Amino acid sequence: MNKMVERVARALCRKDGVDPDAPRYNMLDGAISGKQWEDYADDALAAIDAMSEPTDEMITAGYEALASVSYTSPNIVWRAMIDRARR
């Protein structure tokens, strides 16, 4: 599983008040079939897919971040773009 998908799935799980690391039980036989966060993987993918095309505001924030440093740092640009998306 992709680490970003897992990170988002865990956040969605916690948002619902569910422990991401709690066992996930198979409804048919009661067997443990992974962890709770795995039930949120499809929702996590949908959220990531929705953000795959940046908004104009995010692009502007990325350019502003690039202009504010003397070197190109993907982390700075990424953070600036995500921060702008959260507004």
N, C-alpha and C. Protein backbone atom coordinates (compact mmCIF):
# COMPACT_ATOMS: atom_id res chain seq x y z
N MET A 1 0.85 -1.19 0.00
CA MET A 1 0.00 0.00 0.00
C MET A 1 0.89 1.24 0.00
N ASN A 2 0.53 2.20 -0.79
CA ASN A 2 1.22 3.49 -0.88
C ASN A 2 1.20 4.19 0.48
N LYS A 3 2.35 4.74 0.88
CA LYS A 3 2.44 5.39 2.20
C LYS A 3 1.51 6.59 2.33
N MET A 4 1.31 7.35 1.27
CA MET A 4 0.42 8.51 1.35
C MET A 4 -1.03 8.04 1.50
N VAL A 5 -1.41 7.00 0.77
CA VAL A 5 -2.76 6.45 0.90
C VAL A 5 -2.98 6.00 2.34
N GLU A 6 -2.00 5.30 2.90
CA GLU A 6 -2.13 4.85 4.28
C GLU A 6 -2.23 6.04 5.24
N ARG A 7 -1.42 7.07 5.02
CA ARG A 7 -1.45 8.24 5.90
C ARG A 7 -2.82 8.91 5.89
N VAL A 8 -3.39 9.08 4.69
CA VAL A 8 -4.70 9.71 4.57
C VAL A 8 -5.78 8.80 5.15
N ALA A 9 -5.68 7.50 4.88
CA ALA A 9 -6.66 6.55 5.42
C ALA A 9 -6.65 6.55 6.94
N ARG A 10 -5.48 6.61 7.53
CA ARG A 10 -5.37 6.66 8.99
C ARG A 10 -6.00 7.94 9.53
N ALA A 11 -5.78 9.06 8.85
CA ALA A 11 -6.37 10.33 9.29
C ALA A 11 -7.89 10.27 9.22
N LEU A 12 -8.44 9.70 8.15
CA LEU A 12 -9.89 9.57 8.03
C LEU A 12 -10.44 8.65 9.11
N CYS A 13 -9.72 7.60 9.40
CA CYS A 13 -10.13 6.66 10.44
C CYS A 13 -10.19 7.37 11.79
N ARG A 14 -9.13 8.12 12.13
CA ARG A 14 -9.10 8.84 13.40
C ARG A 14 -10.21 9.89 13.46
N LYS A 15 -10.50 10.54 12.32
CA LYS A 15 -11.56 11.54 12.27
C LYS A 15 -12.90 10.92 12.65
N ASP A 16 -13.10 9.66 12.30
CA ASP A 16 -14.33 8.94 12.66
C ASP A 16 -14.28 8.37 14.07
N GLY A 17 -13.19 8.64 14.80
CA GLY A 17 -13.09 8.14 16.16
C GLY A 17 -12.70 6.68 16.26
N VAL A 18 -12.10 6.16 15.21
CA VAL A 18 -11.72 4.75 15.16
C VAL A 18 -10.20 4.65 15.27
N ASP A 19 -9.73 3.73 16.07
CA ASP A 19 -8.29 3.47 16.19
C ASP A 19 -7.82 2.82 14.90
N PRO A 20 -6.94 3.49 14.14
CA PRO A 20 -6.50 2.93 12.87
C PRO A 20 -5.80 1.58 12.99
N ASP A 21 -5.17 1.34 14.15
CA ASP A 21 -4.43 0.09 14.33
C ASP A 21 -5.26 -1.02 14.98
N ALA A 22 -6.52 -0.75 15.27
CA ALA A 22 -7.38 -1.80 15.83
C ALA A 22 -7.59 -2.87 14.77
N PRO A 23 -7.76 -4.11 15.19
CA PRO A 23 -7.98 -5.18 14.22
C PRO A 23 -9.28 -5.00 13.44
N ARG A 24 -9.23 -5.38 12.21
CA ARG A 24 -10.42 -5.37 11.36
C ARG A 24 -10.89 -6.81 11.25
N TYR A 25 -12.15 -7.03 11.58
CA TYR A 25 -12.69 -8.39 11.59
C TYR A 25 -13.54 -8.64 10.35
N ASN A 26 -13.41 -9.83 9.82
CA ASN A 26 -14.23 -10.26 8.71
C ASN A 26 -15.65 -10.50 9.23
N MET A 27 -16.63 -9.86 8.62
CA MET A 27 -18.02 -9.96 9.08
C MET A 27 -18.60 -11.37 8.91
N LEU A 28 -18.06 -12.14 7.98
CA LEU A 28 -18.61 -13.47 7.73
C LEU A 28 -18.15 -14.52 8.74
N ASP A 29 -16.85 -14.50 9.04
CA ASP A 29 -16.34 -15.55 9.93
C ASP A 29 -15.67 -15.01 11.19
N GLY A 30 -15.59 -13.70 11.36
CA GLY A 30 -15.02 -13.11 12.56
C GLY A 30 -13.51 -13.13 12.60
N ALA A 31 -12.88 -13.61 11.54
CA ALA A 31 -11.42 -13.67 11.50
C ALA A 31 -10.84 -12.26 11.35
N ILE A 32 -9.68 -12.05 11.93
CA ILE A 32 -8.98 -10.77 11.78
C ILE A 32 -8.44 -10.70 10.36
N SER A 33 -8.73 -9.60 9.67
CA SER A 33 -8.31 -9.48 8.27
C SER A 33 -7.58 -8.18 8.00
N GLY A 34 -6.80 -7.71 8.95
CA GLY A 34 -6.04 -6.49 8.75
C GLY A 34 -6.32 -5.49 9.85
N LYS A 35 -6.14 -4.22 9.54
CA LYS A 35 -6.36 -3.14 10.51
C LYS A 35 -7.46 -2.22 10.01
N GLN A 36 -8.06 -1.50 10.94
CA GLN A 36 -9.20 -0.64 10.62
C GLN A 36 -8.91 0.37 9.52
N TRP A 37 -7.71 0.95 9.49
CA TRP A 37 -7.42 1.98 8.50
C TRP A 37 -7.59 1.46 7.08
N GLU A 38 -7.41 0.16 6.89
CA GLU A 38 -7.52 -0.40 5.54
C GLU A 38 -8.92 -0.25 4.96
N ASP A 39 -9.94 -0.14 5.83
CA ASP A 39 -11.31 0.09 5.35
C ASP A 39 -11.47 1.49 4.75
N TYR A 40 -10.54 2.37 5.03
CA TYR A 40 -10.61 3.75 4.57
C TYR A 40 -9.73 4.01 3.34
N ALA A 41 -9.06 3.00 2.84
CA ALA A 41 -8.13 3.18 1.72
C ALA A 41 -8.82 3.72 0.46
N ASP A 42 -10.01 3.23 0.14
CA ASP A 42 -10.71 3.72 -1.06
C ASP A 42 -11.08 5.20 -0.90
N ASP A 43 -11.53 5.58 0.30
CA ASP A 43 -11.84 6.99 0.54
C ASP A 43 -10.59 7.84 0.47
N ALA A 44 -9.49 7.31 0.98
CA ALA A 44 -8.21 8.03 0.92
C ALA A 44 -7.79 8.25 -0.53
N LEU A 45 -7.91 7.22 -1.35
CA LEU A 45 -7.58 7.36 -2.78
C LEU A 45 -8.46 8.41 -3.46
N ALA A 46 -9.74 8.42 -3.12
CA ALA A 46 -10.66 9.40 -3.70
C ALA A 46 -10.24 10.82 -3.30
N ALA A 47 -9.85 11.01 -2.04
CA ALA A 47 -9.42 12.33 -1.58
C ALA A 47 -8.14 12.76 -2.29
N ILE A 48 -7.20 11.85 -2.42
CA ILE A 48 -5.94 12.17 -3.10
C ILE A 48 -6.20 12.46 -4.58
N ASP A 49 -7.05 11.67 -5.21
CA ASP A 49 -7.39 11.90 -6.62
C ASP A 49 -8.01 13.28 -6.82
N ALA A 50 -8.86 13.70 -5.87
CA ALA A 50 -9.51 15.01 -5.98
C ALA A 50 -8.50 16.14 -5.93
N MET A 51 -7.36 15.91 -5.30
CA MET A 51 -6.33 16.93 -5.18
C MET A 51 -5.23 16.79 -6.24
N SER A 52 -5.38 15.86 -7.16
CA SER A 52 -4.30 15.60 -8.11
C SER A 52 -4.09 16.75 -9.10
N GLU A 53 -5.10 17.52 -9.34
CA GLU A 53 -4.97 18.70 -10.21
C GLU A 53 -5.04 19.93 -9.31
N PRO A 54 -3.94 20.67 -9.18
CA PRO A 54 -3.95 21.83 -8.28
C PRO A 54 -4.87 22.94 -8.79
N THR A 55 -5.42 23.69 -7.84
CA THR A 55 -6.22 24.86 -8.19
C THR A 55 -5.29 26.00 -8.59
N ASP A 56 -5.86 27.02 -9.19
CA ASP A 56 -5.05 28.19 -9.55
C ASP A 56 -4.39 28.79 -8.31
N GLU A 57 -5.13 28.80 -7.19
CA GLU A 57 -4.58 29.35 -5.95
C GLU A 57 -3.38 28.52 -5.47
N MET A 58 -3.46 27.21 -5.62
CA MET A 58 -2.36 26.35 -5.21
C MET A 58 -1.13 26.59 -6.08
N ILE A 59 -1.36 26.75 -7.37
CA ILE A 59 -0.25 27.01 -8.29
C ILE A 59 0.43 28.33 -7.94
N THR A 60 -0.37 29.34 -7.66
CA THR A 60 0.18 30.64 -7.25
C THR A 60 1.01 30.49 -5.99
N ALA A 61 0.50 29.75 -5.01
CA ALA A 61 1.23 29.53 -3.77
C ALA A 61 2.55 28.82 -4.03
N GLY A 62 2.55 27.88 -4.95
CA GLY A 62 3.78 27.17 -5.31
C GLY A 62 4.82 28.11 -5.89
N TYR A 63 4.37 28.98 -6.81
CA TYR A 63 5.30 29.96 -7.39
C TYR A 63 5.81 30.94 -6.32
N GLU A 64 4.92 31.35 -5.42
CA GLU A 64 5.34 32.26 -4.35
C GLU A 64 6.37 31.59 -3.45
N ALA A 65 6.18 30.33 -3.16
CA ALA A 65 7.14 29.60 -2.33
C ALA A 65 8.49 29.47 -3.03
N LEU A 66 8.45 29.21 -4.34
CA LEU A 66 9.69 29.12 -5.10
C LEU A 66 10.45 30.44 -5.09
N ALA A 67 9.72 31.52 -5.19
CA ALA A 67 10.35 32.84 -5.23
C ALA A 67 10.92 33.26 -3.88
N SER A 68 10.46 32.62 -2.80
CA SER A 68 10.87 33.03 -1.46
C SER A 68 12.13 32.33 -0.97
N VAL A 69 12.65 31.38 -1.72
CA VAL A 69 13.85 30.66 -1.29
C VAL A 69 14.91 30.75 -2.37
N SER A 70 16.16 30.60 -1.97
CA SER A 70 17.25 30.71 -2.93
C SER A 70 17.55 29.37 -3.61
N TYR A 71 16.85 28.34 -3.24
CA TYR A 71 17.01 27.03 -3.85
C TYR A 71 15.64 26.39 -4.01
N THR A 72 15.53 25.46 -4.91
CA THR A 72 14.25 24.80 -5.14
C THR A 72 14.11 23.65 -4.15
N SER A 73 13.06 23.71 -3.37
CA SER A 73 12.78 22.66 -2.40
C SER A 73 11.36 22.14 -2.63
N PRO A 74 11.23 20.92 -3.09
CA PRO A 74 9.89 20.37 -3.30
C PRO A 74 9.04 20.40 -2.03
N ASN A 75 9.67 20.20 -0.87
CA ASN A 75 8.92 20.21 0.38
C ASN A 75 8.28 21.56 0.65
N ILE A 76 9.01 22.63 0.42
CA ILE A 76 8.49 23.97 0.66
C ILE A 76 7.34 24.27 -0.30
N VAL A 77 7.51 23.92 -1.55
CA VAL A 77 6.47 24.16 -2.55
C VAL A 77 5.23 23.33 -2.24
N TRP A 78 5.42 22.05 -1.94
CA TRP A 78 4.30 21.16 -1.61
C TRP A 78 3.52 21.70 -0.42
N ARG A 79 4.24 22.06 0.66
CA ARG A 79 3.58 22.56 1.87
C ARG A 79 2.79 23.84 1.57
N ALA A 80 3.39 24.75 0.79
CA ALA A 80 2.70 25.99 0.45
C ALA A 80 1.43 25.72 -0.35
N MET A 81 1.49 24.78 -1.27
CA MET A 81 0.33 24.47 -2.10
C MET A 81 -0.78 23.81 -1.27
N ILE A 82 -0.40 22.88 -0.40
CA ILE A 82 -1.40 22.21 0.45
C ILE A 82 -1.99 23.20 1.45
N ASP A 83 -1.14 24.05 2.03
CA ASP A 83 -1.65 25.06 2.95
C ASP A 83 -2.68 25.96 2.27
N ARG A 84 -2.42 26.33 1.02
CA ARG A 84 -3.36 27.17 0.28
C ARG A 84 -4.66 26.43 0.01
N ALA A 85 -4.57 25.13 -0.25
CA ALA A 85 -5.78 24.33 -0.50
C ALA A 85 -6.66 24.24 0.73
N ARG A 86 -6.06 24.34 1.92
CA ARG A 86 -6.82 24.22 3.16
C ARG A 86 -7.56 25.50 3.53
N ARG A 87 -7.30 26.59 2.85
CA ARG A 87 -7.97 27.87 3.18
C ARG A 87 -9.37 27.93 2.61
